[in-house]
Amino acid sequence: MFKLFSGDKSSPYIALSPSNSSTSSYADVDPEDQHDALEEQNRNTRRFDDDERELEKPADYEYLYNTSSRETSKQRKRLLYLSILTGILTIINLSLFHQYLFASPPLTPPLSNLDAAYNSETDLEFASAYIGFDDLDATLNYTFENMPLRVGSVDRAHPTATRPEEAPFWWTPYGSSIIPARRHVFVNESISTIVQFRATDYGLETCRPTLVLPTFAALTAANSSVRSDHHKPRSYSYSAPLVHVHVWELESISQDGSKELELDLAQLSYANLPPRKAYLGAMEVREGVRATTPEAFECRSASLHTLELSCEEAGCMLDVWVDDVGPQMAFFVEQSAITRRM
């Protein structure tokens, strides 16, 4: 007899089992019924396989999927926050770079720091580097050209006004600035140039202000090979035939003698200049001449000194960028000592 068994969970199947009747056989099964039974078996098999695959799906698939989705969401949030932070830092860096590139840096040494270092009541004096030299006998017959440390200007017509610092500078790849020895000396009826320097060396304690202008011919010939810091031809101008530049020595020590009066060029004005101490005379400045003051002044080693350069005649003017290259076009203080006991 032909029977359809579902059996157990493994698979439905069709089995042919003998009947109690001795005349029953597989051949007695109607082919059409056999075909229908096989179709039914195939349908049941497909449903069973689908159910089995559904049962075989791990229960934590959904959990893993949800976990992966949450991790992806967290990663996206982290990337978003990182992008925002990167944008903010980029803006800050660009802002700092802009300030660094276009802001005016201090064109002279940080005078506020120097004031704090040298002008407090607890200042240490400059220790002598020439210990025992006073016990020696020697004759000095040389001079030393001392270039100024600071050069600024004031306007008598506008006593409280501060004038811009003009010393050139450029940046290094390491972020620091280089200030060359080039300085602007400019005087006319109302504007004075203020210079400050510190006496150096030992025994050269006689100082005389000096200004040297080369001939225009020498300067023109040298300009083919020697240029200024900005690669421009070096030049100067003055009111012909000559200009009388008056030189005053200003106080460089406070009234109580407790501190040095170092110039703060950022706040320098005619109203807050140190008082005048002594008149050194006038330099007759003109082309090709080494001009000096009639009077010299005492300048002990390591002492600080401040000078005022001015002219008072109507229409007087001197405009020169002094430097330390040749042909010499410079303002300096000549230190000398003809004969001294050391």
C-alpha atoms as a PDB file:
ATOM      1  CA  MET A   1       0.000   0.000   0.000  1.00  0.00           C
ATOM      2  CA  PHE A   2       1.233   3.491  -0.794  1.00  0.00           C
ATOM      3  CA  LYS A   3       1.507   5.719   2.307  1.00  0.00           C
ATOM      4  CA  LEU A   4       2.734   9.256   2.968  1.00  0.00           C
ATOM      5  CA  PHE A   5       4.643   9.625   6.210  1.00  0.00           C
ATOM      6  CA  SER A   6       5.796  12.784   7.851  1.00  0.00           C
ATOM      7  CA  GLY A   7       8.024  10.703  10.114  1.00  0.00           C
ATOM      8  CA  ASP A   8      10.089  12.926  12.423  1.00  0.00           C
ATOM      9  CA  LYS A   9      11.465  16.437  11.965  1.00  0.00           C
ATOM     10  CA  SER A  10      14.146  15.339   9.575  1.00  0.00           C
ATOM     11  CA  SER A  11      12.189  15.052   6.319  1.00  0.00           C
ATOM     12  CA  PRO A  12       8.799  13.904   5.098  1.00  0.00           C
ATOM     13  CA  TYR A  13       9.017  10.901   2.860  1.00  0.00           C
ATOM     14  CA  ILE A  14       6.878   8.361   0.958  1.00  0.00           C
ATOM     15  CA  ALA A  15       7.188   4.740   1.838  1.00  0.00           C
ATOM     16  CA  LEU A  16       5.748   1.663   0.214  1.00  0.00           C
ATOM     17  CA  SER A  17       4.790  -0.871   2.794  1.00  0.00           C
ATOM     18  CA  PRO A  18       3.269  -4.244   2.258  1.00  0.00           C
ATOM     19  CA  SER A  19      -0.429  -4.640   2.895  1.00  0.00           C
ATOM     20  CA  ASN A  20      -2.117  -7.425   4.747  1.00  0.00           C
ATOM     21  CA  SER A  21      -3.601  -8.315   1.442  1.00  0.00           C
ATOM     22  CA  SER A  22      -1.435 -10.701  -0.491  1.00  0.00           C
ATOM     23  CA  THR A  23      -2.570  -9.143  -3.764  1.00  0.00           C
ATOM     24  CA  SER A  24      -1.365  -5.537  -2.947  1.00  0.00           C
ATOM     25  CA  SER A  25       1.805  -4.315  -4.689  1.00  0.00           C
ATOM     26  CA  TYR A  26       3.464  -1.123  -5.852  1.00  0.00           C
ATOM     27  CA  ALA A  27       2.146  -1.683  -9.268  1.00  0.00           C
ATOM     28  CA  ASP A  28      -1.385  -1.293  -7.903  1.00  0.00           C
ATOM     29  CA  VAL A  29      -0.731   2.437  -7.180  1.00  0.00           C
ATOM     30  CA  ASP A  30      -2.379   4.749  -9.645  1.00  0.00           C
ATOM     31  CA  PRO A  31       0.330   6.780 -11.498  1.00  0.00           C
ATOM     32  CA  GLU A  32      -1.730   9.921 -11.173  1.00  0.00           C
ATOM     33  CA  ASP A  33      -2.002   9.463  -7.416  1.00  0.00           C
ATOM     34  CA  GLN A  34       1.702   8.779  -7.301  1.00  0.00           C
ATOM     35  CA  HIS A  35       2.413  12.054  -9.128  1.00  0.00           C
ATOM     36  CA  ASP A  36       0.165  14.028  -6.791  1.00  0.00           C
ATOM     37  CA  ALA A  37       1.830  12.486  -3.786  1.00  0.00           C
ATOM     38  CA  LEU A  38       5.286  13.406  -5.060  1.00  0.00           C
ATOM     39  CA  GLU A  39       4.176  17.005  -5.672  1.00  0.00           C
ATOM     40  CA  GLU A  40       2.811  17.213  -2.161  1.00  0.00           C
ATOM     41  CA  GLN A  41       6.055  15.816  -0.822  1.00  0.00           C
ATOM     42  CA  ASN A  42       8.087  18.453  -2.700  1.00  0.00           C
ATOM     43  CA  ARG A  43       5.897  21.280  -1.389  1.00  0.00           C
ATOM     44  CA  ASN A  44       6.218  20.007   2.166  1.00  0.00           C
ATOM     45  CA  THR A  45       9.972  19.675   1.736  1.00  0.00           C
ATOM     46  CA  ARG A  46      10.307  23.273   0.553  1.00  0.00           C
ATOM     47  CA  ARG A  47       8.198  24.589   3.453  1.00  0.00           C
ATOM     48  CA  PHE A  48      10.192  22.497   5.878  1.00  0.00           C
ATOM     49  CA  ASP A  49      13.508  23.761   4.485  1.00  0.00           C
ATOM     50  CA  ASP A  50      12.325  27.374   4.785  1.00  0.00           C
ATOM     51  CA  ASP A  51      11.192  26.795   8.356  1.00  0.00           C
ATOM     52  CA  GLU A  52      14.440  25.001   9.153  1.00  0.00           C
ATOM     53  CA  ARG A  53      16.534  27.862   7.787  1.00  0.00           C
ATOM     54  CA  GLU A  54      14.483  30.285   9.846  1.00  0.00           C
ATOM     55  CA  LEU A  55      15.077  28.116  12.913  1.00  0.00           C
ATOM     56  CA  GLU A  56      18.804  27.884  12.145  1.00  0.00           C
ATOM     57  CA  LYS A  57      19.226  31.710  12.115  1.00  0.00           C
ATOM     58  CA  PRO A  58      21.078  32.628  15.334  1.00  0.00           C
ATOM     59  CA  ALA A  59      19.064  34.558  17.854  1.00  0.00           C
ATOM     60  CA  ASP A  60      21.837  37.169  18.252  1.00  0.00           C
ATOM     61  CA  TYR A  61      21.924  38.193  14.566  1.00  0.00           C
ATOM     62  CA  GLU A  62      19.592  41.041  15.275  1.00  0.00           C
ATOM     63  CA  TYR A  63      21.642  42.045  18.320  1.00  0.00           C
ATOM     64  CA  LEU A  64      24.837  42.049  16.281  1.00  0.00           C
ATOM     65  CA  TYR A  65      23.174  44.096  13.590  1.00  0.00           C
ATOM     66  CA  ASN A  66      21.919  46.648  16.096  1.00  0.00           C
ATOM     67  CA  THR A  67      25.327  46.760  17.793  1.00  0.00           C
ATOM     68  CA  SER A  68      27.069  47.352  14.474  1.00  0.00           C
ATOM     69  CA  SER A  69      24.625  50.137  13.660  1.00  0.00           C
ATOM     70  CA  ARG A  70      25.302  51.826  16.991  1.00  0.00           C
ATOM     71  CA  GLU A  71      29.076  51.566  16.506  1.00  0.00           C
ATOM     72  CA  THR A  72      28.771  53.066  13.036  1.00  0.00           C
ATOM     73  CA  SER A  73      26.706  55.916  14.452  1.00  0.00           C
ATOM     74  CA  LYS A  74      29.317  56.561  17.143  1.00  0.00           C
ATOM     75  CA  GLN A  75      32.099  56.590  14.570  1.00  0.00           C
ATOM     76  CA  ARG A  76      30.198  59.087  12.468  1.00  0.00           C
ATOM     77  CA  LYS A  77      29.697  61.316  15.498  1.00  0.00           C
ATOM     78  CA  ARG A  78      33.379  61.109  16.372  1.00  0.00           C
ATOM     79  CA  LEU A  79      34.334  62.003  12.811  1.00  0.00           C
ATOM     80  CA  LEU A  80      31.913  64.930  12.917  1.00  0.00           C
ATOM     81  CA  TYR A  81      33.335  66.231  16.203  1.00  0.00           C
ATOM     82  CA  LEU A  82      36.875  65.754  14.925  1.00  0.00           C
ATOM     83  CA  SER A  83      36.063  67.665  11.744  1.00  0.00           C
ATOM     84  CA  ILE A  84      34.551  70.528  13.745  1.00  0.00           C
ATOM     85  CA  LEU A  85      37.576  70.638  16.070  1.00  0.00           C
ATOM     86  CA  THR A  86      39.953  70.575  13.101  1.00  0.00           C
ATOM     87  CA  GLY A  87      38.074  73.463  11.507  1.00  0.00           C
ATOM     88  CA  ILE A  88      38.203  75.531  14.704  1.00  0.00           C
ATOM     89  CA  LEU A  89      41.937  74.907  15.163  1.00  0.00           C
ATOM     90  CA  THR A  90      42.559  75.781  11.518  1.00  0.00           C
ATOM     91  CA  ILE A  91      40.744  79.098  11.933  1.00  0.00           C
ATOM     92  CA  ILE A  92      42.739  79.865  15.090  1.00  0.00           C
ATOM     93  CA  ASN A  93      46.029  79.002  13.375  1.00  0.00           C
ATOM     94  CA  LEU A  94      45.181  81.161  10.366  1.00  0.00           C
ATOM     95  CA  SER A  95      44.272  84.043  12.672  1.00  0.00           C
ATOM     96  CA  LEU A  96      47.532  83.730  14.603  1.00  0.00           C
ATOM     97  CA  PHE A  97      49.504  83.452  11.373  1.00  0.00           C
ATOM     98  CA  HIS A  98      47.805  86.593  10.053  1.00  0.00           C
ATOM     99  CA  GLN A  99      48.692  88.505  13.223  1.00  0.00           C
ATOM    100  CA  TYR A 100      52.215  87.108  13.112  1.00  0.00           C
ATOM    101  CA  LEU A 101      52.634  88.092   9.469  1.00  0.00           C
ATOM    102  CA  PHE A 102      51.072  91.549   9.417  1.00  0.00           C
ATOM    103  CA  ALA A 103      51.290  92.828  12.978  1.00  0.00           C
ATOM    104  CA  SER A 104      54.090  95.257  13.738  1.00  0.00           C
ATOM    105  CA  PRO A 105      56.606  93.511  15.978  1.00  0.00           C
ATOM    106  CA  PRO A 106      58.880  95.384  18.313  1.00  0.00           C
ATOM    107  CA  LEU A 107      61.540  96.820  16.053  1.00  0.00           C
ATOM    108  CA  THR A 108      63.917  97.392  18.954  1.00  0.00           C
ATOM    109  CA  PRO A 109      64.821  95.181  21.880  1.00  0.00           C
ATOM    110  CA  PRO A 110      61.902  94.720  24.324  1.00  0.00           C
ATOM    111  CA  LEU A 111      62.483  97.875  26.323  1.00  0.00           C
ATOM    112  CA  SER A 112      59.862  97.062  28.917  1.00  0.00           C
ATOM    113  CA  ASN A 113      61.863  93.956  29.762  1.00  0.00           C
ATOM    114  CA  LEU A 114      65.067  95.963  29.805  1.00  0.00           C
ATOM    115  CA  ASP A 115      63.470  98.490  32.115  1.00  0.00           C
ATOM    116  CA  ALA A 116      62.457  95.699  34.450  1.00  0.00           C
ATOM    117  CA  ALA A 117      65.962  94.273  34.285  1.00  0.00           C
ATOM    118  CA  TYR A 118      67.989  97.467  34.698  1.00  0.00           C
ATOM    119  CA  ASN A 119      65.728 100.114  36.188  1.00  0.00           C
ATOM    120  CA  SER A 120      64.494  98.526  39.391  1.00  0.00           C
ATOM    121  CA  GLU A 121      65.816  99.491  42.800  1.00  0.00           C
ATOM    122  CA  THR A 122      67.438  96.062  43.123  1.00  0.00           C
ATOM    123  CA  ASP A 123      69.561  96.418  39.969  1.00  0.00           C
ATOM    124  CA  LEU A 124      72.964  94.852  39.947  1.00  0.00           C
ATOM    125  CA  GLU A 125      75.682  97.090  38.613  1.00  0.00           C
ATOM    126  CA  PHE A 126      77.581  96.135  35.477  1.00  0.00           C
ATOM    127  CA  ALA A 127      80.530  94.145  36.728  1.00  0.00           C
ATOM    128  CA  SER A 128      83.869  95.147  35.271  1.00  0.00           C
ATOM    129  CA  ALA A 129      85.436  92.695  32.864  1.00  0.00           C
ATOM    130  CA  TYR A 130      88.796  94.462  33.192  1.00  0.00           C
ATOM    131  CA  ILE A 131      89.912  93.356  36.647  1.00  0.00           C
ATOM    132  CA  GLY A 132      93.453  94.490  37.465  1.00  0.00           C
ATOM    133  CA  PHE A 133      93.837  96.738  34.421  1.00  0.00           C
ATOM    134  CA  ASP A 134      94.202  99.801  36.679  1.00  0.00           C
ATOM    135  CA  ASP A 135      97.484  98.405  37.960  1.00  0.00           C
ATOM    136  CA  LEU A 136      99.050  98.295  34.499  1.00  0.00           C
ATOM    137  CA  ASP A 137     100.944 101.036  32.681  1.00  0.00           C
ATOM    138  CA  ALA A 138      99.953 101.429  29.067  1.00  0.00           C
ATOM    139  CA  THR A 139      99.337 104.002  26.397  1.00  0.00           C
ATOM    140  CA  LEU A 140      96.194 103.798  24.274  1.00  0.00           C
ATOM    141  CA  ASN A 141      96.355 105.396  20.852  1.00  0.00           C
ATOM    142  CA  TYR A 142      93.379 103.907  19.059  1.00  0.00           C
ATOM    143  CA  THR A 143      89.692 104.781  18.739  1.00  0.00           C
ATOM    144  CA  PHE A 144      86.494 102.783  18.634  1.00  0.00           C
ATOM    145  CA  GLU A 145      83.341 103.616  16.625  1.00  0.00           C
ATOM    146  CA  ASN A 146      80.339 102.816  18.805  1.00  0.00           C
ATOM    147  CA  MET A 147      77.059 102.479  16.879  1.00  0.00           C
ATOM    148  CA  PRO A 148      73.862 103.481  18.728  1.00  0.00           C
ATOM    149  CA  LEU A 149      71.611 100.837  20.262  1.00  0.00           C
ATOM    150  CA  ARG A 150      68.370 102.758  19.772  1.00  0.00           C
ATOM    151  CA  VAL A 151      67.344 105.523  17.399  1.00  0.00           C
ATOM    152  CA  GLY A 152      63.993 107.306  17.597  1.00  0.00           C
ATOM    153  CA  SER A 153      62.534 110.709  16.832  1.00  0.00           C
ATOM    154  CA  VAL A 154      60.341 113.349  18.491  1.00  0.00           C
ATOM    155  CA  ASP A 155      58.375 116.296  17.147  1.00  0.00           C
ATOM    156  CA  ARG A 156      58.627 119.637  18.948  1.00  0.00           C
ATOM    157  CA  ALA A 157      55.559 120.890  17.077  1.00  0.00           C
ATOM    158  CA  HIS A 158      53.527 118.003  18.533  1.00  0.00           C
ATOM    159  CA  PRO A 159      55.041 117.450  21.992  1.00  0.00           C
ATOM    160  CA  THR A 160      52.807 114.558  23.072  1.00  0.00           C
ATOM    161  CA  ALA A 161      52.833 112.671  19.753  1.00  0.00           C
ATOM    162  CA  THR A 162      54.829 109.456  19.346  1.00  0.00           C
ATOM    163  CA  ARG A 163      56.440 108.781  15.997  1.00  0.00           C
ATOM    164  CA  PRO A 164      56.550 105.325  14.373  1.00  0.00           C
ATOM    165  CA  GLU A 165      59.622 103.154  14.700  1.00  0.00           C
ATOM    166  CA  GLU A 166      61.356 102.908  11.355  1.00  0.00           C
ATOM    167  CA  ALA A 167      64.107 100.357  11.848  1.00  0.00           C
ATOM    168  CA  PRO A 168      63.777  97.648   9.169  1.00  0.00           C
ATOM    169  CA  PHE A 169      63.416  94.001  10.091  1.00  0.00           C
ATOM    170  CA  TRP A 170      62.639  90.634   8.565  1.00  0.00           C
ATOM    171  CA  TRP A 171      61.479  87.269   9.862  1.00  0.00           C
ATOM    172  CA  THR A 172      63.629  84.169  10.048  1.00  0.00           C
ATOM    173  CA  PRO A 173      62.279  80.644   9.347  1.00  0.00           C
ATOM    174  CA  TYR A 174      62.394  80.092  13.109  1.00  0.00           C
ATOM    175  CA  GLY A 175      59.924  82.876  13.904  1.00  0.00           C
ATOM    176  CA  SER A 176      62.350  85.458  15.251  1.00  0.00           C
ATOM    177  CA  SER A 177      63.071  88.836  13.707  1.00  0.00           C
ATOM    178  CA  ILE A 178      66.414  90.258  12.590  1.00  0.00           C
ATOM    179  CA  ILE A 179      67.031  93.975  13.036  1.00  0.00           C
ATOM    180  CA  PRO A 180      70.040  95.171  11.014  1.00  0.00           C
ATOM    181  CA  ALA A 181      72.350  98.047  11.946  1.00  0.00           C
ATOM    182  CA  ARG A 182      70.456 100.358   9.596  1.00  0.00           C
ATOM    183  CA  ARG A 183      68.902 103.366  11.374  1.00  0.00           C
ATOM    184  CA  HIS A 184      67.069 106.481  10.198  1.00  0.00           C
ATOM    185  CA  VAL A 185      68.504 109.856  11.205  1.00  0.00           C
ATOM    186  CA  PHE A 186      66.138 112.685  10.317  1.00  0.00           C
ATOM    187  CA  VAL A 187      66.156 116.280  11.578  1.00  0.00           C
ATOM    188  CA  ASN A 188      64.404 119.445  10.484  1.00  0.00           C
ATOM    189  CA  GLU A 189      63.029 122.595  12.117  1.00  0.00           C
ATOM    190  CA  SER A 190      60.677 120.636  14.400  1.00  0.00           C
ATOM    191  CA  ILE A 191      61.796 116.999  14.401  1.00  0.00           C
ATOM    192  CA  SER A 192      64.786 115.792  16.431  1.00  0.00           C
ATOM    193  CA  THR A 193      66.487 112.400  16.377  1.00  0.00           C
ATOM    194  CA  ILE A 194      67.204 110.742  19.736  1.00  0.00           C
ATOM    195  CA  VAL A 195      70.003 108.164  19.973  1.00  0.00           C
ATOM    196  CA  GLN A 196      71.105 106.014  22.877  1.00  0.00           C
ATOM    197  CA  PHE A 197      74.249 103.932  23.243  1.00  0.00           C
ATOM    198  CA  ARG A 198      76.305 102.207  25.914  1.00  0.00           C
ATOM    199  CA  ALA A 199      80.035 102.845  26.221  1.00  0.00           C
ATOM    200  CA  THR A 200      82.156  99.746  25.720  1.00  0.00           C
ATOM    201  CA  ASP A 201      85.777  98.643  25.998  1.00  0.00           C
ATOM    202  CA  TYR A 202      88.192  99.767  28.683  1.00  0.00           C
ATOM    203  CA  GLY A 203      90.007 103.074  28.938  1.00  0.00           C
ATOM    204  CA  LEU A 204      88.241 104.619  25.930  1.00  0.00           C
ATOM    205  CA  GLU A 205      86.309 107.063  28.070  1.00  0.00           C
ATOM    206  CA  THR A 206      86.294 110.152  25.854  1.00  0.00           C
ATOM    207  CA  CYS A 207      83.274 110.175  23.518  1.00  0.00           C
ATOM    208  CA  ARG A 208      82.623 112.446  20.549  1.00  0.00           C
ATOM    209  CA  PRO A 209      79.490 112.280  18.318  1.00  0.00           C
ATOM    210  CA  THR A 210      80.413 111.846  14.642  1.00  0.00           C
ATOM    211  CA  LEU A 211      78.442 111.761  11.386  1.00  0.00           C
ATOM    212  CA  VAL A 212      80.022 110.678   8.096  1.00  0.00           C
ATOM    213  CA  LEU A 213      78.529 111.189   4.622  1.00  0.00           C
ATOM    214  CA  PRO A 214      80.281 109.811   1.511  1.00  0.00           C
ATOM    215  CA  THR A 215      80.447 111.741  -1.727  1.00  0.00           C
ATOM    216  CA  PHE A 216      77.550 111.175  -4.086  1.00  0.00           C
ATOM    217  CA  ALA A 217      80.018 109.939  -6.715  1.00  0.00           C
ATOM    218  CA  ALA A 218      81.394 107.267  -4.373  1.00  0.00           C
ATOM    219  CA  LEU A 219      77.899 106.277  -3.351  1.00  0.00           C
ATOM    220  CA  THR A 220      76.715 106.037  -6.954  1.00  0.00           C
ATOM    221  CA  ALA A 221      79.701 103.904  -7.913  1.00  0.00           C
ATOM    222  CA  ALA A 222      79.148 101.589  -4.949  1.00  0.00           C
ATOM    223  CA  ASN A 223      75.421 101.179  -5.552  1.00  0.00           C
ATOM    224  CA  SER A 224      76.144  98.748  -8.392  1.00  0.00           C
ATOM    225  CA  SER A 225      77.391  96.230  -5.823  1.00  0.00           C
ATOM    226  CA  VAL A 226      76.251  97.499  -2.405  1.00  0.00           C
ATOM    227  CA  ARG A 227      72.563  97.997  -1.737  1.00  0.00           C
ATOM    228  CA  SER A 228      70.412  98.660   1.283  1.00  0.00           C
ATOM    229  CA  ASP A 229      68.597  95.929   3.193  1.00  0.00           C
ATOM    230  CA  HIS A 230      65.673  96.225   0.772  1.00  0.00           C
ATOM    231  CA  HIS A 231      68.009  96.086  -2.260  1.00  0.00           C
ATOM    232  CA  LYS A 232      67.485  99.769  -3.009  1.00  0.00           C
ATOM    233  CA  PRO A 233      70.296 102.207  -3.828  1.00  0.00           C
ATOM    234  CA  ARG A 234      71.731 103.903  -0.746  1.00  0.00           C
ATOM    235  CA  SER A 235      71.237 107.665  -0.695  1.00  0.00           C
ATOM    236  CA  TYR A 236      70.848 110.696   1.561  1.00  0.00           C
ATOM    237  CA  SER A 237      69.696 114.305   1.353  1.00  0.00           C
ATOM    238  CA  TYR A 238      70.299 117.528   3.264  1.00  0.00           C
ATOM    239  CA  SER A 239      69.712 121.244   2.931  1.00  0.00           C
ATOM    240  CA  ALA A 240      72.607 122.659   0.900  1.00  0.00           C
ATOM    241  CA  PRO A 241      75.246 123.820   1.182  1.00  0.00           C
ATOM    242  CA  LEU A 242      75.456 122.291   4.685  1.00  0.00           C
ATOM    243  CA  VAL A 243      73.300 121.691   7.719  1.00  0.00           C
ATOM    244  CA  HIS A 244      74.226 122.502  11.320  1.00  0.00           C
ATOM    245  CA  VAL A 245      73.179 119.541  13.447  1.00  0.00           C
ATOM    246  CA  HIS A 246      73.111 120.545  17.109  1.00  0.00           C
ATOM    247  CA  VAL A 247      73.951 117.813  19.619  1.00  0.00           C
ATOM    248  CA  TRP A 248      72.738 117.753  23.220  1.00  0.00           C
ATOM    249  CA  GLU A 249      73.647 115.232  25.882  1.00  0.00           C
ATOM    250  CA  LEU A 250      70.511 114.209  27.822  1.00  0.00           C
ATOM    251  CA  GLU A 251      70.251 112.799  31.301  1.00  0.00           C
ATOM    252  CA  SER A 252      70.586 109.015  31.329  1.00  0.00           C
ATOM    253  CA  ILE A 253      70.390 108.460  35.102  1.00  0.00           C
ATOM    254  CA  SER A 254      67.386 109.181  37.314  1.00  0.00           C
ATOM    255  CA  GLN A 255      67.594 112.141  39.695  1.00  0.00           C
ATOM    256  CA  ASP A 256      68.144 109.905  42.716  1.00  0.00           C
ATOM    257  CA  GLY A 257      70.772 107.917  40.819  1.00  0.00           C
ATOM    258  CA  SER A 258      68.964 104.620  41.386  1.00  0.00           C
ATOM    259  CA  LYS A 259      68.319 103.616  37.781  1.00  0.00           C
ATOM    260  CA  GLU A 260      69.209 104.231  34.163  1.00  0.00           C
ATOM    261  CA  LEU A 261      66.736 106.010  31.905  1.00  0.00           C
ATOM    262  CA  GLU A 262      66.486 103.631  28.977  1.00  0.00           C
ATOM    263  CA  LEU A 263      64.419 104.836  26.051  1.00  0.00           C
ATOM    264  CA  ASP A 264      61.067 103.245  25.340  1.00  0.00           C
ATOM    265  CA  LEU A 265      60.650 104.126  21.666  1.00  0.00           C
ATOM    266  CA  ALA A 266      57.002 103.041  21.668  1.00  0.00           C
ATOM    267  CA  GLN A 267      56.204 105.836  24.167  1.00  0.00           C
ATOM    268  CA  LEU A 268      58.887 108.351  23.274  1.00  0.00           C
ATOM    269  CA  SER A 269      57.674 111.914  22.707  1.00  0.00           C
ATOM    270  CA  TYR A 270      59.130 115.402  23.039  1.00  0.00           C
ATOM    271  CA  ALA A 271      57.131 115.935  26.225  1.00  0.00           C
ATOM    272  CA  ASN A 272      58.679 112.980  28.064  1.00  0.00           C
ATOM    273  CA  LEU A 273      62.280 113.360  26.892  1.00  0.00           C
ATOM    274  CA  PRO A 274      64.908 113.236  29.640  1.00  0.00           C
ATOM    275  CA  PRO A 275      66.118 116.747  30.490  1.00  0.00           C
ATOM    276  CA  ARG A 276      69.097 118.200  28.651  1.00  0.00           C
ATOM    277  CA  LYS A 277      72.403 117.838  30.478  1.00  0.00           C
ATOM    278  CA  ALA A 278      75.037 119.528  28.284  1.00  0.00           C
ATOM    279  CA  TYR A 279      75.362 121.162  24.867  1.00  0.00           C
ATOM    280  CA  LEU A 280      78.141 119.580  22.799  1.00  0.00           C
ATOM    281  CA  GLY A 281      78.003 121.996  19.856  1.00  0.00           C
ATOM    282  CA  ALA A 282      76.969 121.689  16.213  1.00  0.00           C
ATOM    283  CA  MET A 283      78.247 119.323  13.541  1.00  0.00           C
ATOM    284  CA  GLU A 284      78.636 120.896  10.089  1.00  0.00           C
ATOM    285  CA  VAL A 285      77.212 118.099   7.954  1.00  0.00           C
ATOM    286  CA  ARG A 286      77.772 118.055   4.200  1.00  0.00           C
ATOM    287  CA  GLU A 287      78.784 115.732   1.371  1.00  0.00           C
ATOM    288  CA  GLY A 288      82.038 113.855   1.748  1.00  0.00           C
ATOM    289  CA  VAL A 289      82.841 115.217   5.228  1.00  0.00           C
ATOM    290  CA  ARG A 290      83.407 113.524   8.577  1.00  0.00           C
ATOM    291  CA  ALA A 291      81.600 115.928  10.926  1.00  0.00           C
ATOM    292  CA  THR A 292      82.135 115.943  14.709  1.00  0.00           C
ATOM    293  CA  THR A 293      81.056 118.102  17.644  1.00  0.00           C
ATOM    294  CA  PRO A 294      83.467 120.678  19.083  1.00  0.00           C
ATOM    295  CA  GLU A 295      83.043 119.183  22.536  1.00  0.00           C
ATOM    296  CA  ALA A 296      83.497 115.628  23.760  1.00  0.00           C
ATOM    297  CA  PHE A 297      82.068 114.113  26.928  1.00  0.00           C
ATOM    298  CA  GLU A 298      83.140 111.542  29.460  1.00  0.00           C
ATOM    299  CA  CYS A 299      81.822 108.002  28.921  1.00  0.00           C
ATOM    300  CA  ARG A 300      82.998 105.438  31.435  1.00  0.00           C
ATOM    301  CA  SER A 301      82.958 101.801  30.414  1.00  0.00           C
ATOM    302  CA  ALA A 302      79.446 100.244  30.465  1.00  0.00           C
ATOM    303  CA  SER A 303      77.746 103.611  31.094  1.00  0.00           C
ATOM    304  CA  LEU A 304      74.526 104.526  29.241  1.00  0.00           C
ATOM    305  CA  HIS A 305      74.265 107.782  27.256  1.00  0.00           C
ATOM    306  CA  THR A 306      71.454 109.568  25.395  1.00  0.00           C
ATOM    307  CA  LEU A 307      71.914 112.272  22.737  1.00  0.00           C
ATOM    308  CA  GLU A 308      69.535 114.618  20.916  1.00  0.00           C
ATOM    309  CA  LEU A 309      70.259 115.697  17.320  1.00  0.00           C
ATOM    310  CA  SER A 310      68.394 118.775  16.083  1.00  0.00           C
ATOM    311  CA  CYS A 311      68.588 121.723  13.722  1.00  0.00           C
ATOM    312  CA  GLU A 312      67.018 125.108  14.308  1.00  0.00           C
ATOM    313  CA  GLU A 313      67.601 127.212  11.185  1.00  0.00           C
ATOM    314  CA  ALA A 314      64.652 127.825   8.897  1.00  0.00           C
ATOM    315  CA  GLY A 315      64.543 125.206   6.151  1.00  0.00           C
ATOM    316  CA  CYS A 316      67.270 123.020   7.656  1.00  0.00           C
ATOM    317  CA  MET A 317      66.996 119.289   6.973  1.00  0.00           C
ATOM    318  CA  LEU A 318      69.035 116.088   7.089  1.00  0.00           C
ATOM    319  CA  ASP A 319      67.638 112.722   5.966  1.00  0.00           C
ATOM    320  CA  VAL A 320      69.985 109.736   5.968  1.00  0.00           C
ATOM    321  CA  TRP A 321      69.761 106.001   6.635  1.00  0.00           C
ATOM    322  CA  VAL A 322      73.004 105.214   8.443  1.00  0.00           C
ATOM    323  CA  ASP A 323      74.456 101.696   8.338  1.00  0.00           C
ATOM    324  CA  ASP A 324      77.696  99.781   8.755  1.00  0.00           C
ATOM    325  CA  VAL A 325      78.622  99.043   5.126  1.00  0.00           C
ATOM    326  CA  GLY A 326      80.958 100.873   2.775  1.00  0.00           C
ATOM    327  CA  PRO A 327      81.353 103.495   1.645  1.00  0.00           C
ATOM    328  CA  GLN A 328      80.799 104.663   5.203  1.00  0.00           C
ATOM    329  CA  MET A 329      77.534 106.518   5.782  1.00  0.00           C
ATOM    330  CA  ALA A 330      77.063 106.417   9.522  1.00  0.00           C
ATOM    331  CA  PHE A 331      76.378 108.149  12.795  1.00  0.00           C
ATOM    332  CA  PHE A 332      78.354 106.858  15.751  1.00  0.00           C
ATOM    333  CA  VAL A 333      80.132 107.940  18.919  1.00  0.00           C
ATOM    334  CA  GLU A 334      83.901 107.816  18.636  1.00  0.00           C
ATOM    335  CA  GLN A 335      85.467 106.529  21.845  1.00  0.00           C
ATOM    336  CA  SER A 336      89.115 107.373  22.415  1.00  0.00           C
ATOM    337  CA  ALA A 337      91.837 107.882  24.991  1.00  0.00           C
ATOM    338  CA  ILE A 338      95.145 109.400  23.954  1.00  0.00           C
ATOM    339  CA  THR A 339      97.218 108.731  27.044  1.00  0.00           C
ATOM    340  CA  ARG A 340      95.965 107.048  30.183  1.00  0.00           C
ATOM    341  CA  ARG A 341      97.372 105.178  33.117  1.00  0.00           C
ATOM    342  CA  MET A 342      95.614 101.841  33.384  1.00  0.00           C
END
